Protein backbone atom coordinates (compact mmCIF):
# COMPACT_ATOMS: atom_id res chain seq x y z
CA MET A 1 -51.81 -75.86 68.71
CA THR A 2 -49.38 -75.42 65.86
CA MET A 3 -50.62 -76.31 62.39
CA LYS A 4 -48.57 -78.00 59.69
CA GLY A 5 -47.75 -75.61 56.93
CA LEU A 6 -44.89 -73.92 55.15
CA SER A 7 -41.31 -74.63 56.17
CA ARG A 8 -39.11 -72.25 58.14
CA LYS A 9 -36.50 -73.03 55.51
CA GLN A 10 -38.12 -70.40 53.35
CA VAL A 11 -36.83 -66.82 53.31
CA ILE A 12 -39.72 -64.50 52.42
CA ILE A 13 -38.90 -61.27 50.54
CA SER A 14 -41.81 -59.00 49.76
CA MET A 15 -41.36 -56.87 46.65
CA SER A 16 -43.40 -55.16 43.95
CA ILE A 17 -44.86 -57.27 41.15
CA ASP A 18 -42.54 -55.59 38.60
CA ASN A 19 -39.49 -56.52 40.64
CA ASN A 20 -40.88 -60.01 41.15
CA ASN A 21 -41.33 -60.62 37.43
CA THR A 22 -37.92 -59.22 36.51
CA PHE A 23 -36.15 -61.19 39.23
CA MET A 24 -37.79 -64.48 38.39
CA ARG A 25 -36.69 -64.31 34.68
CA ASN A 26 -33.22 -65.37 35.81
CA SER A 27 -34.08 -67.34 38.95
CA ALA A 28 -31.71 -70.21 38.13
CA THR A 29 -28.81 -67.79 37.86
CA HIS A 30 -29.85 -66.18 41.12
CA VAL A 31 -29.91 -69.51 42.91
CA VAL A 32 -26.34 -70.24 41.78
CA ASN A 33 -25.11 -66.74 42.73
CA ILE A 34 -26.72 -66.63 46.20
CA THR A 35 -25.42 -70.15 46.94
CA ARG A 36 -21.95 -69.06 45.95
CA LEU A 37 -22.11 -66.03 48.26
CA LEU A 38 -23.33 -68.16 51.13
CA ARG A 39 -20.49 -70.69 50.62
CA ASN A 40 -17.95 -67.87 50.48
CA ALA A 41 -19.26 -66.76 53.88
CA LYS A 42 -18.66 -70.30 55.20
CA SER A 43 -22.38 -70.90 55.65
CA GLU A 44 -23.91 -74.34 55.60
CA VAL A 45 -27.10 -72.88 54.14
CA LEU A 46 -27.53 -73.46 50.39
CA VAL A 47 -30.37 -72.29 48.14
CA ASN A 48 -32.48 -75.03 46.64
CA TYR A 49 -34.73 -72.91 44.47
CA ILE A 50 -36.61 -69.59 44.31
CA HIS A 51 -40.40 -69.50 44.28
CA SER A 52 -42.56 -66.60 43.24
CA ASP A 53 -46.01 -65.68 44.64
CA SER A 54 -48.25 -62.61 44.65
CA LEU A 55 -46.44 -60.90 47.52
CA GLY A 56 -42.89 -61.43 46.43
CA ILE A 57 -40.44 -64.29 46.31
CA SER A 58 -39.48 -67.16 48.66
CA VAL A 59 -35.89 -68.38 48.68
CA VAL A 60 -36.09 -72.05 49.74
CA THR A 61 -32.93 -73.27 51.49
CA ASN A 62 -31.64 -76.59 52.73
CA LYS A 63 -31.50 -75.40 56.38
CA VAL A 64 -33.06 -72.67 58.48
CA SER A 65 -31.21 -69.40 57.71
CA GLN A 66 -29.48 -67.30 60.31
CA GLN A 67 -29.45 -63.53 60.43
CA SER A 68 -26.12 -63.37 58.63
CA ASN A 69 -27.57 -65.49 55.77
CA LEU A 70 -30.54 -63.18 55.52
CA GLN A 71 -28.22 -60.23 55.18
CA ILE A 72 -26.32 -61.90 52.33
CA ILE A 73 -29.57 -62.71 50.50
CA GLU A 74 -30.86 -59.18 51.04
CA GLN A 75 -27.68 -57.57 49.71
CA TYR A 76 -27.67 -59.79 46.64
CA ILE A 77 -31.31 -59.04 45.79
CA LYS A 78 -31.11 -55.32 46.38
CA ASN A 79 -27.91 -55.13 44.32
CA SER A 80 -29.42 -56.95 41.35
CA GLU A 81 -29.31 -54.75 38.28
CA ASP A 82 -32.96 -54.71 37.22
CA ILE A 83 -34.47 -54.46 40.69
CA ASN A 84 -35.72 -51.23 42.29
CA SER A 85 -34.28 -51.72 45.76
CA PHE A 86 -36.75 -49.25 47.29
CA GLN A 87 -39.57 -51.66 46.49
CA VAL A 88 -37.92 -54.65 48.23
CA ASP A 89 -38.60 -55.41 51.95
CA LYS A 90 -36.22 -56.99 54.36
CA PRO A 91 -36.04 -60.79 54.16
CA GLN A 92 -37.79 -62.62 56.95
CA LEU A 93 -38.32 -66.19 58.06
CA LEU A 94 -41.80 -67.63 58.41
CA GLN A 95 -43.47 -67.23 61.70
CA SER A 96 -45.33 -70.10 63.33
CA LYS A 97 -48.99 -70.36 62.56
CA SER A 98 -51.33 -71.30 65.39
CA TYR A 99 -54.93 -70.90 66.27
CA LEU A 100 -56.71 -69.56 69.29
CA LYS A 101 -60.08 -70.93 70.38
CA ILE A 102 -62.10 -68.72 72.70
CA ILE A 103 -65.07 -70.46 74.30
CA GLY A 104 -68.06 -69.04 76.22
CA ILE A 105 -68.53 -65.67 74.61
CA PRO A 106 -72.15 -64.51 74.50
CA TYR A 107 -73.52 -64.86 70.97
CA PHE A 108 -75.80 -61.91 71.59
CA PRO A 109 -73.45 -59.49 73.44
CA TYR A 110 -75.87 -56.55 73.56
CA SER A 111 -78.59 -57.06 76.19
CA ASN A 112 -81.46 -55.33 74.36
CA SER A 113 -80.63 -56.28 70.77
CA GLN A 114 -80.91 -59.30 68.45
CA ASP A 115 -77.58 -58.36 66.83
CA HIS A 116 -75.15 -61.28 67.15
CA LEU A 117 -71.43 -61.16 67.72
CA THR A 118 -69.48 -60.58 64.49
CA SER A 119 -65.89 -61.17 63.57
CA ASN A 120 -65.40 -57.37 63.35
CA ASP A 121 -66.54 -57.04 67.01
CA VAL A 122 -64.02 -59.61 68.16
CA GLU A 123 -61.24 -58.06 66.03
CA MET A 124 -61.84 -54.61 67.58
CA ILE A 125 -61.68 -56.11 71.08
CA LEU A 126 -58.41 -57.91 70.26
CA LYS A 127 -56.85 -54.71 68.88
CA LYS A 128 -57.63 -52.91 72.16
CA ASN A 129 -55.96 -55.61 74.26
CA GLN A 130 -52.17 -55.24 74.74
CA ILE A 131 -51.72 -58.98 74.90
CA PHE A 132 -52.34 -59.16 71.15
CA ASP A 133 -49.99 -56.28 70.15
CA ASN A 134 -47.38 -58.48 68.44
CA ILE A 135 -49.79 -61.01 66.96
CA LYS A 136 -50.83 -60.92 63.29
CA LEU A 137 -54.12 -62.42 62.13
CA VAL A 138 -53.62 -64.90 59.32
CA SER A 139 -57.24 -65.05 58.21
CA LYS A 140 -60.67 -63.69 59.03
CA LEU A 141 -61.97 -64.57 62.48
CA ARG A 142 -64.77 -67.12 62.73
CA VAL A 143 -67.58 -66.79 65.23
CA ILE A 144 -69.66 -69.93 65.53
CA LYS A 145 -72.81 -70.44 67.62
CA VAL A 146 -72.29 -73.47 69.95
CA LEU A 147 -75.77 -74.94 69.42
CA PRO A 148 -78.79 -73.69 67.46
CA LYS A 149 -80.73 -72.83 70.68
CA SER A 150 -77.67 -71.71 72.66
CA ASP A 151 -76.74 -68.12 73.39
CA MET A 152 -73.00 -68.89 73.60
CA SER A 153 -70.38 -68.84 70.83
CA ILE A 154 -66.92 -70.13 70.03
CA THR A 155 -64.46 -67.87 68.24
CA TRP A 156 -61.69 -69.33 66.10
CA ILE A 157 -58.64 -67.11 65.40
CA ASP A 158 -55.75 -68.08 63.11
CA ILE A 159 -52.65 -66.19 64.38
């Protein structure tokens, strides 16, 4: 199931906090300049605004950006005068956020122990399984006992 969340119209650019603060001082100017560059490249994508968060900046556009648009945005940001380009990651679009519900896992996985299944146990198992190689965990796993007297659990994983 896909959860409602952030829009894919956001271009995420991770950067250091110093770069972030410096870049955001002139965010209105950057919006105008990036939009001009996109128009010159005959793109239909325009920048609405730039948002700052703890990991970097988000360039919010009117449409979902293509790879060519991401390259234009990246070149502009890395060529900005006050930015240390080595502390700026490649722009990326948001990935979809979904959850996985695993039912029927024993709550007490060890036969001769009262230790219950923890989120760390499930995470180690997922890391060993090649099916989950390209999946990133969005938040901490949740292991829930089905019923108070049950020995089965449900695991919720935001991916």
